[in-house]
Amino acid sequence: MKPIAPGTVIFHRYRGFGVVTSVNLMTGWVSARFGGEGRTLDLNLSCDQVQHADGEAIYFRQAPPDHMPHGRLMAMVRELHKAGYQRLYLYSWPKPSGLHWRWHLFTGPRQWLQRSWREGWYGSGAEYNLNPTLGWGDAPGASTHDLLSALAMFDPQGLANALGRDEDHTAWFAKVCDALLPNYTYSLGWDQASGPQPEHLPVIPLRSNVAPYSGPALPWPPGWGSLWRSQQRISTKRVLLPSQSGSLIFK
């Protein structure tokens, strides 16, 4: 299905041509303005007889779009790894609400819990649902090549930091991409209240109407297990802090 985003020209059976002003890729509701009308019209892509401007039907229920950009990011990172940018990493974890997953691209040393942050190199599915772009000057539905070209133009210095070899992670990432794309992605976070770290890498679907993952169990990234265990040991230490009354309390 062609991408639906703010600015997409559509055709409605009774109102003619219009322009989408806002979208929600999770629910299928869009707002559009037709002709000289001052107000926008709310439409549902599943049942309101909306088409693309060229007449192509929009099958939102049968072919729903991705709710998050993680699959596109995985494909882009894999291609950059092949080009020698092996010190580029994709961190994915759920928001506290559990409705969306965050993403963060970082470069340089592979330090999962002390990652370097650059403007424009992180986001979440909540933002992507309303405008399916990464914010690099990329177009909705841009190909993998166009996406990485947009990133290179957006922040060439940041991408240059990814040049270098990390063969262990590159091999792990290629294995994960082969197993998950194009329907699934991975998460490096889990609900810690429900138990310890899962034995295998958590897998999540990229869109609705996708069957549960039934492929091979995938390992965590190289070095992840030992890193997390050391962090757990540190976090269990009790710290002596002063209270407002002046007495000391343990935290």
C-alpha atoms as a PDB file:
ATOM      1  CA  MET A   1       0.000   0.000   0.000  1.00  0.00           C
ATOM      2  CA  LYS A   2       1.205   3.485  -0.819  1.00  0.00           C
ATOM      3  CA  PRO A   3       2.109   5.584   2.220  1.00  0.00           C
ATOM      4  CA  ILE A   4      -0.533   7.757   3.863  1.00  0.00           C
ATOM      5  CA  ALA A   5       0.814  10.899   5.511  1.00  0.00           C
ATOM      6  CA  PRO A   6      -0.017  14.597   5.936  1.00  0.00           C
ATOM      7  CA  GLY A   7       0.052  16.096   2.458  1.00  0.00           C
ATOM      8  CA  THR A   8      -1.122  12.953   0.636  1.00  0.00           C
ATOM      9  CA  VAL A   9      -3.679  13.712  -2.091  1.00  0.00           C
ATOM     10  CA  ILE A  10      -6.740  11.452  -1.930  1.00  0.00           C
ATOM     11  CA  PHE A  11     -10.018  11.025  -3.776  1.00  0.00           C
ATOM     12  CA  HIS A  12     -13.383  10.658  -2.051  1.00  0.00           C
ATOM     13  CA  ARG A  13     -16.359   9.260  -3.907  1.00  0.00           C
ATOM     14  CA  TYR A  14     -18.673  12.120  -2.989  1.00  0.00           C
ATOM     15  CA  ARG A  15     -16.311  15.031  -2.282  1.00  0.00           C
ATOM     16  CA  GLY A  16     -13.680  14.650  -4.979  1.00  0.00           C
ATOM     17  CA  PHE A  17      -9.998  15.362  -4.481  1.00  0.00           C
ATOM     18  CA  GLY A  18      -8.652  16.431  -1.111  1.00  0.00           C
ATOM     19  CA  VAL A  19      -5.461  16.651   0.927  1.00  0.00           C
ATOM     20  CA  VAL A  20      -4.783  14.710   4.122  1.00  0.00           C
ATOM     21  CA  THR A  21      -3.957  17.042   7.015  1.00  0.00           C
ATOM     22  CA  SER A  22      -3.431  14.481   9.798  1.00  0.00           C
ATOM     23  CA  VAL A  23      -3.302  10.705  10.158  1.00  0.00           C
ATOM     24  CA  ASN A  24      -3.344   7.974  12.769  1.00  0.00           C
ATOM     25  CA  LEU A  25      -1.860   4.815  11.301  1.00  0.00           C
ATOM     26  CA  MET A  26      -2.914   2.733  14.283  1.00  0.00           C
ATOM     27  CA  THR A  27      -6.653   3.436  14.061  1.00  0.00           C
ATOM     28  CA  GLY A  28      -6.978   4.315  10.376  1.00  0.00           C
ATOM     29  CA  TRP A  29      -8.589   7.702  10.998  1.00  0.00           C
ATOM     30  CA  VAL A  30      -7.473  10.655   8.888  1.00  0.00           C
ATOM     31  CA  SER A  31      -8.489  14.292   8.550  1.00  0.00           C
ATOM     32  CA  ALA A  32      -8.667  15.809   5.082  1.00  0.00           C
ATOM     33  CA  ARG A  33      -9.606  19.116   3.497  1.00  0.00           C
ATOM     34  CA  PHE A  34     -11.579  19.167   0.235  1.00  0.00           C
ATOM     35  CA  GLY A  35     -11.698  22.101  -2.168  1.00  0.00           C
ATOM     36  CA  GLY A  36     -12.272  25.446  -0.518  1.00  0.00           C
ATOM     37  CA  GLU A  37     -13.856  24.026   2.626  1.00  0.00           C
ATOM     38  CA  GLY A  38     -12.656  25.752   5.761  1.00  0.00           C
ATOM     39  CA  ARG A  39     -13.060  22.718   7.993  1.00  0.00           C
ATOM     40  CA  THR A  40     -11.447  19.329   7.725  1.00  0.00           C
ATOM     41  CA  LEU A  41     -13.428  16.122   7.426  1.00  0.00           C
ATOM     42  CA  ASP A  42     -12.639  13.080   9.561  1.00  0.00           C
ATOM     43  CA  LEU A  43     -12.588   9.851   7.556  1.00  0.00           C
ATOM     44  CA  ASN A  44     -11.864   6.214   8.306  1.00  0.00           C
ATOM     45  CA  LEU A  45      -9.685   4.453   5.746  1.00  0.00           C
ATOM     46  CA  SER A  46     -11.471   1.154   6.362  1.00  0.00           C
ATOM     47  CA  CYS A  47     -14.983   2.158   5.325  1.00  0.00           C
ATOM     48  CA  ASP A  48     -15.270   5.724   3.980  1.00  0.00           C
ATOM     49  CA  GLN A  49     -14.529   4.948   0.306  1.00  0.00           C
ATOM     50  CA  VAL A  50     -11.249   6.846   0.173  1.00  0.00           C
ATOM     51  CA  GLN A  51      -8.749   6.234  -2.619  1.00  0.00           C
ATOM     52  CA  HIS A  52      -5.378   7.550  -3.658  1.00  0.00           C
ATOM     53  CA  ALA A  53      -5.452  10.363  -6.189  1.00  0.00           C
ATOM     54  CA  ASP A  54      -4.584   7.943  -9.023  1.00  0.00           C
ATOM     55  CA  GLY A  55      -7.520   5.704  -8.160  1.00  0.00           C
ATOM     56  CA  GLU A  56      -5.579   3.039  -6.256  1.00  0.00           C
ATOM     57  CA  ALA A  57      -7.717   1.618  -3.471  1.00  0.00           C
ATOM     58  CA  ILE A  58      -6.640   1.888   0.165  1.00  0.00           C
ATOM     59  CA  TYR A  59      -7.012  -1.502   1.841  1.00  0.00           C
ATOM     60  CA  PHE A  60      -6.316  -0.465   5.406  1.00  0.00           C
ATOM     61  CA  ARG A  61      -7.730  -3.616   7.013  1.00  0.00           C
ATOM     62  CA  GLN A  62      -6.234  -6.114   4.568  1.00  0.00           C
ATOM     63  CA  ALA A  63      -2.825  -4.418   4.276  1.00  0.00           C
ATOM     64  CA  PRO A  64      -2.325  -2.151   7.305  1.00  0.00           C
ATOM     65  CA  PRO A  65       0.799   0.023   7.348  1.00  0.00           C
ATOM     66  CA  ASP A  66       3.617  -0.331   9.874  1.00  0.00           C
ATOM     67  CA  HIS A  67       2.854   1.242  13.239  1.00  0.00           C
ATOM     68  CA  MET A  68       6.516   2.031  13.824  1.00  0.00           C
ATOM     69  CA  PRO A  69       9.635   2.657  11.745  1.00  0.00           C
ATOM     70  CA  HIS A  70      11.730  -0.126  13.277  1.00  0.00           C
ATOM     71  CA  GLY A  71      11.547  -2.426  10.261  1.00  0.00           C
ATOM     72  CA  ARG A  72      12.716   0.324   7.908  1.00  0.00           C
ATOM     73  CA  LEU A  73      15.480   1.249  10.344  1.00  0.00           C
ATOM     74  CA  MET A  74      16.658  -2.356  10.571  1.00  0.00           C
ATOM     75  CA  ALA A  75      16.889  -2.622   6.777  1.00  0.00           C
ATOM     76  CA  MET A  76      18.803   0.659   6.617  1.00  0.00           C
ATOM     77  CA  VAL A  77      21.260  -0.316   9.360  1.00  0.00           C
ATOM     78  CA  ARG A  78      21.924  -3.663   7.673  1.00  0.00           C
ATOM     79  CA  GLU A  79      22.817  -1.918   4.398  1.00  0.00           C
ATOM     80  CA  LEU A  80      25.099   0.535   6.200  1.00  0.00           C
ATOM     81  CA  HIS A  81      26.829  -2.368   7.944  1.00  0.00           C
ATOM     82  CA  LYS A  82      27.552  -3.851   4.512  1.00  0.00           C
ATOM     83  CA  ALA A  83      29.074  -0.520   3.451  1.00  0.00           C
ATOM     84  CA  GLY A  84      31.516  -0.531   6.387  1.00  0.00           C
ATOM     85  CA  TYR A  85      29.491   1.459   8.946  1.00  0.00           C
ATOM     86  CA  GLN A  86      29.500  -1.421  11.423  1.00  0.00           C
ATOM     87  CA  ARG A  87      29.649   0.799  14.523  1.00  0.00           C
ATOM     88  CA  LEU A  88      26.017   1.805  14.004  1.00  0.00           C
ATOM     89  CA  TYR A  89      23.520   0.318  16.467  1.00  0.00           C
ATOM     90  CA  LEU A  90      19.729   0.272  16.851  1.00  0.00           C
ATOM     91  CA  TYR A  91      18.296   0.247  20.365  1.00  0.00           C
ATOM     92  CA  SER A  92      14.568  -0.506  20.680  1.00  0.00           C
ATOM     93  CA  TRP A  93      12.499  -0.520  23.867  1.00  0.00           C
ATOM     94  CA  PRO A  94       8.822  -0.008  24.889  1.00  0.00           C
ATOM     95  CA  LYS A  95       7.320   3.152  26.276  1.00  0.00           C
ATOM     96  CA  PRO A  96       5.875   2.846  29.809  1.00  0.00           C
ATOM     97  CA  SER A  97       2.332   2.734  28.381  1.00  0.00           C
ATOM     98  CA  GLY A  98       3.211  -0.347  26.319  1.00  0.00           C
ATOM     99  CA  LEU A  99       1.400   1.073  23.273  1.00  0.00           C
ATOM    100  CA  HIS A 100       4.476   2.161  21.349  1.00  0.00           C
ATOM    101  CA  TRP A 101       8.143   1.321  21.021  1.00  0.00           C
ATOM    102  CA  ARG A 102      10.957   3.853  21.085  1.00  0.00           C
ATOM    103  CA  TRP A 103      14.003   3.691  18.827  1.00  0.00           C
ATOM    104  CA  HIS A 104      17.486   5.119  19.117  1.00  0.00           C
ATOM    105  CA  LEU A 105      20.337   4.984  16.619  1.00  0.00           C
ATOM    106  CA  PHE A 106      23.785   5.513  18.090  1.00  0.00           C
ATOM    107  CA  THR A 107      27.370   5.209  16.902  1.00  0.00           C
ATOM    108  CA  GLY A 108      30.845   4.725  18.291  1.00  0.00           C
ATOM    109  CA  PRO A 109      31.513   2.337  21.188  1.00  0.00           C
ATOM    110  CA  ARG A 110      28.872  -0.359  21.668  1.00  0.00           C
ATOM    111  CA  GLN A 111      27.692   0.826  25.085  1.00  0.00           C
ATOM    112  CA  TRP A 112      24.027  -0.115  25.301  1.00  0.00           C
ATOM    113  CA  LEU A 113      23.287   1.587  28.616  1.00  0.00           C
ATOM    114  CA  GLN A 114      25.483   4.676  28.071  1.00  0.00           C
ATOM    115  CA  ARG A 115      24.578   5.505  24.504  1.00  0.00           C
ATOM    116  CA  SER A 116      25.566   8.676  22.689  1.00  0.00           C
ATOM    117  CA  TRP A 117      22.587  10.886  21.794  1.00  0.00           C
ATOM    118  CA  ARG A 118      22.337  13.071  18.696  1.00  0.00           C
ATOM    119  CA  GLU A 119      19.391  15.247  17.694  1.00  0.00           C
ATOM    120  CA  GLY A 120      17.187  13.479  15.176  1.00  0.00           C
ATOM    121  CA  TRP A 121      18.600  10.004  15.866  1.00  0.00           C
ATOM    122  CA  TYR A 122      15.765   8.852  18.143  1.00  0.00           C
ATOM    123  CA  GLY A 123      11.971   8.781  18.228  1.00  0.00           C
ATOM    124  CA  SER A 124       8.962   6.561  18.905  1.00  0.00           C
ATOM    125  CA  GLY A 125       6.063   4.870  17.194  1.00  0.00           C
ATOM    126  CA  ALA A 126       3.711   7.434  18.720  1.00  0.00           C
ATOM    127  CA  GLU A 127       5.253  10.128  16.515  1.00  0.00           C
ATOM    128  CA  TYR A 128       5.506   7.846  13.493  1.00  0.00           C
ATOM    129  CA  ASN A 129       1.785   7.044  13.636  1.00  0.00           C
ATOM    130  CA  LEU A 130       0.969  10.703  13.039  1.00  0.00           C
ATOM    131  CA  ASN A 131       3.624  11.358  10.401  1.00  0.00           C
ATOM    132  CA  PRO A 132       5.432   8.294   8.967  1.00  0.00           C
ATOM    133  CA  THR A 133       8.826   9.926   8.441  1.00  0.00           C
ATOM    134  CA  LEU A 134      12.071   9.879  10.425  1.00  0.00           C
ATOM    135  CA  GLY A 135      12.602  13.643  10.331  1.00  0.00           C
ATOM    136  CA  TRP A 136      15.731  13.616   8.148  1.00  0.00           C
ATOM    137  CA  GLY A 137      14.083  15.218   5.134  1.00  0.00           C
ATOM    138  CA  ASP A 138      12.936  11.743   4.044  1.00  0.00           C
ATOM    139  CA  ALA A 139       9.629  11.177   2.278  1.00  0.00           C
ATOM    140  CA  PRO A 140       6.903   8.839   3.591  1.00  0.00           C
ATOM    141  CA  GLY A 141       7.552   5.339   2.287  1.00  0.00           C
ATOM    142  CA  ALA A 142      11.095   6.173   1.142  1.00  0.00           C
ATOM    143  CA  SER A 143      13.170   3.184   0.056  1.00  0.00           C
ATOM    144  CA  THR A 144      16.063   1.898   2.136  1.00  0.00           C
ATOM    145  CA  HIS A 145      18.582   3.590  -0.162  1.00  0.00           C
ATOM    146  CA  ASP A 146      16.713   6.910  -0.049  1.00  0.00           C
ATOM    147  CA  LEU A 147      16.430   6.657   3.722  1.00  0.00           C
ATOM    148  CA  LEU A 148      20.139   6.164   4.338  1.00  0.00           C
ATOM    149  CA  SER A 149      20.949   8.887   1.781  1.00  0.00           C
ATOM    150  CA  ALA A 150      18.673  11.266   3.695  1.00  0.00           C
ATOM    151  CA  LEU A 151      20.451  10.396   6.962  1.00  0.00           C
ATOM    152  CA  ALA A 152      23.862  10.987   5.361  1.00  0.00           C
ATOM    153  CA  MET A 153      22.763  14.432   4.179  1.00  0.00           C
ATOM    154  CA  PHE A 154      21.042  15.243   7.480  1.00  0.00           C
ATOM    155  CA  ASP A 155      24.040  14.463   9.719  1.00  0.00           C
ATOM    156  CA  PRO A 156      27.182  13.431   7.795  1.00  0.00           C
ATOM    157  CA  GLN A 157      29.408  13.929  10.838  1.00  0.00           C
ATOM    158  CA  GLY A 158      27.262  11.682  12.982  1.00  0.00           C
ATOM    159  CA  LEU A 159      27.209   8.955  10.360  1.00  0.00           C
ATOM    160  CA  ALA A 160      30.990   9.192   9.944  1.00  0.00           C
ATOM    161  CA  ASN A 161      31.304   8.110  13.585  1.00  0.00           C
ATOM    162  CA  ALA A 162      29.864   4.740  12.569  1.00  0.00           C
ATOM    163  CA  LEU A 163      32.766   3.871  10.285  1.00  0.00           C
ATOM    164  CA  GLY A 164      34.683   0.931  11.679  1.00  0.00           C
ATOM    165  CA  ARG A 165      34.486  -2.783  12.357  1.00  0.00           C
ATOM    166  CA  ASP A 166      32.265  -4.616  14.811  1.00  0.00           C
ATOM    167  CA  GLU A 167      32.025  -8.044  13.243  1.00  0.00           C
ATOM    168  CA  ASP A 168      30.293  -9.761  16.187  1.00  0.00           C
ATOM    169  CA  HIS A 169      27.412  -7.315  16.277  1.00  0.00           C
ATOM    170  CA  THR A 170      27.179  -7.105  12.481  1.00  0.00           C
ATOM    171  CA  ALA A 171      26.809 -10.886  12.219  1.00  0.00           C
ATOM    172  CA  TRP A 172      24.201 -10.917  15.017  1.00  0.00           C
ATOM    173  CA  PHE A 173      22.242  -8.069  13.428  1.00  0.00           C
ATOM    174  CA  ALA A 174      22.223  -9.724   9.985  1.00  0.00           C
ATOM    175  CA  LYS A 175      20.902 -12.936  11.554  1.00  0.00           C
ATOM    176  CA  VAL A 176      18.140 -11.032  13.342  1.00  0.00           C
ATOM    177  CA  CYS A 177      17.146  -9.149  10.171  1.00  0.00           C
ATOM    178  CA  ASP A 178      16.969 -12.374   8.174  1.00  0.00           C
ATOM    179  CA  ALA A 179      14.669 -13.918  10.774  1.00  0.00           C
ATOM    180  CA  LEU A 180      12.391 -10.943  11.475  1.00  0.00           C
ATOM    181  CA  LEU A 181      11.996  -8.726   8.421  1.00  0.00           C
ATOM    182  CA  PRO A 182       9.629  -7.650   6.959  1.00  0.00           C
ATOM    183  CA  ASN A 183       6.945  -8.403   9.573  1.00  0.00           C
ATOM    184  CA  TYR A 184       8.678  -8.207  12.949  1.00  0.00           C
ATOM    185  CA  THR A 185      11.242  -6.292  14.958  1.00  0.00           C
ATOM    186  CA  TYR A 186      13.015  -6.840  18.258  1.00  0.00           C
ATOM    187  CA  SER A 187      12.918  -5.184  21.651  1.00  0.00           C
ATOM    188  CA  LEU A 188      15.800  -4.788  24.094  1.00  0.00           C
ATOM    189  CA  GLY A 189      13.387  -4.000  26.926  1.00  0.00           C
ATOM    190  CA  TRP A 190      10.847  -6.066  28.850  1.00  0.00           C
ATOM    191  CA  ASP A 191       8.486  -5.727  31.782  1.00  0.00           C
ATOM    192  CA  GLN A 192      10.880  -6.166  34.685  1.00  0.00           C
ATOM    193  CA  ALA A 193       7.967  -6.338  37.136  1.00  0.00           C
ATOM    194  CA  SER A 194       6.860  -9.632  35.586  1.00  0.00           C
ATOM    195  CA  GLY A 195      10.199 -11.357  35.989  1.00  0.00           C
ATOM    196  CA  PRO A 196      13.877 -11.482  35.044  1.00  0.00           C
ATOM    197  CA  GLN A 197      15.316 -10.985  31.586  1.00  0.00           C
ATOM    198  CA  PRO A 198      13.808 -13.433  29.048  1.00  0.00           C
ATOM    199  CA  GLU A 199      16.066 -16.173  27.796  1.00  0.00           C
ATOM    200  CA  HIS A 200      15.661 -15.099  24.174  1.00  0.00           C
ATOM    201  CA  LEU A 201      15.300 -11.799  22.362  1.00  0.00           C
ATOM    202  CA  PRO A 202      11.716 -10.433  22.558  1.00  0.00           C
ATOM    203  CA  VAL A 203      10.015 -10.154  19.146  1.00  0.00           C
ATOM    204  CA  ILE A 204       7.124  -7.813  18.327  1.00  0.00           C
ATOM    205  CA  PRO A 205       5.008  -7.381  15.153  1.00  0.00           C
ATOM    206  CA  LEU A 206       5.367  -4.249  13.048  1.00  0.00           C
ATOM    207  CA  ARG A 207       1.687  -4.001  12.152  1.00  0.00           C
ATOM    208  CA  SER A 208      -1.696  -5.503  12.968  1.00  0.00           C
ATOM    209  CA  ASN A 209      -3.003  -8.688  11.334  1.00  0.00           C
ATOM    210  CA  VAL A 210       0.411 -10.341  11.670  1.00  0.00           C
ATOM    211  CA  ALA A 211       0.532 -13.882  13.029  1.00  0.00           C
ATOM    212  CA  PRO A 212       2.567 -14.462  16.206  1.00  0.00           C
ATOM    213  CA  TYR A 213       6.253 -14.991  15.562  1.00  0.00           C
ATOM    214  CA  SER A 214       7.046 -18.679  15.033  1.00  0.00           C
ATOM    215  CA  GLY A 215      10.633 -18.473  13.773  1.00  0.00           C
ATOM    216  CA  PRO A 216      13.815 -19.542  15.532  1.00  0.00           C
ATOM    217  CA  ALA A 217      14.611 -18.211  18.988  1.00  0.00           C
ATOM    218  CA  LEU A 218      17.081 -15.349  18.713  1.00  0.00           C
ATOM    219  CA  PRO A 219      19.945 -14.511  21.080  1.00  0.00           C
ATOM    220  CA  TRP A 220      20.512 -11.171  22.742  1.00  0.00           C
ATOM    221  CA  PRO A 221      23.200  -8.887  21.256  1.00  0.00           C
ATOM    222  CA  PRO A 222      26.838  -9.812  21.881  1.00  0.00           C
ATOM    223  CA  GLY A 223      27.849  -8.829  25.403  1.00  0.00           C
ATOM    224  CA  TRP A 224      24.320  -7.874  26.446  1.00  0.00           C
ATOM    225  CA  GLY A 225      23.798 -10.570  29.080  1.00  0.00           C
ATOM    226  CA  SER A 226      26.946  -9.907  31.086  1.00  0.00           C
ATOM    227  CA  LEU A 227      26.392  -6.157  30.880  1.00  0.00           C
ATOM    228  CA  TRP A 228      22.884  -6.408  32.270  1.00  0.00           C
ATOM    229  CA  ARG A 229      23.886  -8.734  35.089  1.00  0.00           C
ATOM    230  CA  SER A 230      26.575  -6.281  36.201  1.00  0.00           C
ATOM    231  CA  GLN A 231      24.037  -3.458  36.145  1.00  0.00           C
ATOM    232  CA  GLN A 232      21.650  -5.537  38.244  1.00  0.00           C
ATOM    233  CA  ARG A 233      24.358  -6.093  40.863  1.00  0.00           C
ATOM    234  CA  ILE A 234      25.019  -2.370  41.014  1.00  0.00           C
ATOM    235  CA  SER A 235      21.325  -1.485  41.270  1.00  0.00           C
ATOM    236  CA  THR A 236      20.775  -3.786  44.258  1.00  0.00           C
ATOM    237  CA  LYS A 237      23.159  -1.837  46.491  1.00  0.00           C
ATOM    238  CA  ARG A 238      21.475   0.241  49.189  1.00  0.00           C
ATOM    239  CA  VAL A 239      22.364   3.905  49.323  1.00  0.00           C
ATOM    240  CA  LEU A 240      22.369   6.026  52.493  1.00  0.00           C
ATOM    241  CA  LEU A 241      20.552   9.324  51.897  1.00  0.00           C
ATOM    242  CA  PRO A 242      19.595  12.187  54.257  1.00  0.00           C
ATOM    243  CA  SER A 243      15.882  12.762  54.797  1.00  0.00           C
ATOM    244  CA  GLN A 244      14.183  16.124  55.203  1.00  0.00           C
ATOM    245  CA  SER A 245      14.214  15.724  58.989  1.00  0.00           C
ATOM    246  CA  GLY A 246      17.984  15.301  58.984  1.00  0.00           C
ATOM    247  CA  SER A 247      18.020  11.584  59.815  1.00  0.00           C
ATOM    248  CA  LEU A 248      19.570   9.011  57.488  1.00  0.00           C
ATOM    249  CA  ILE A 249      17.473   6.564  55.496  1.00  0.00           C
ATOM    250  CA  PHE A 250      18.353   3.682  53.190  1.00  0.00           C
ATOM    251  CA  LYS A 251      17.234   3.690  49.547  1.00  0.00           C
END
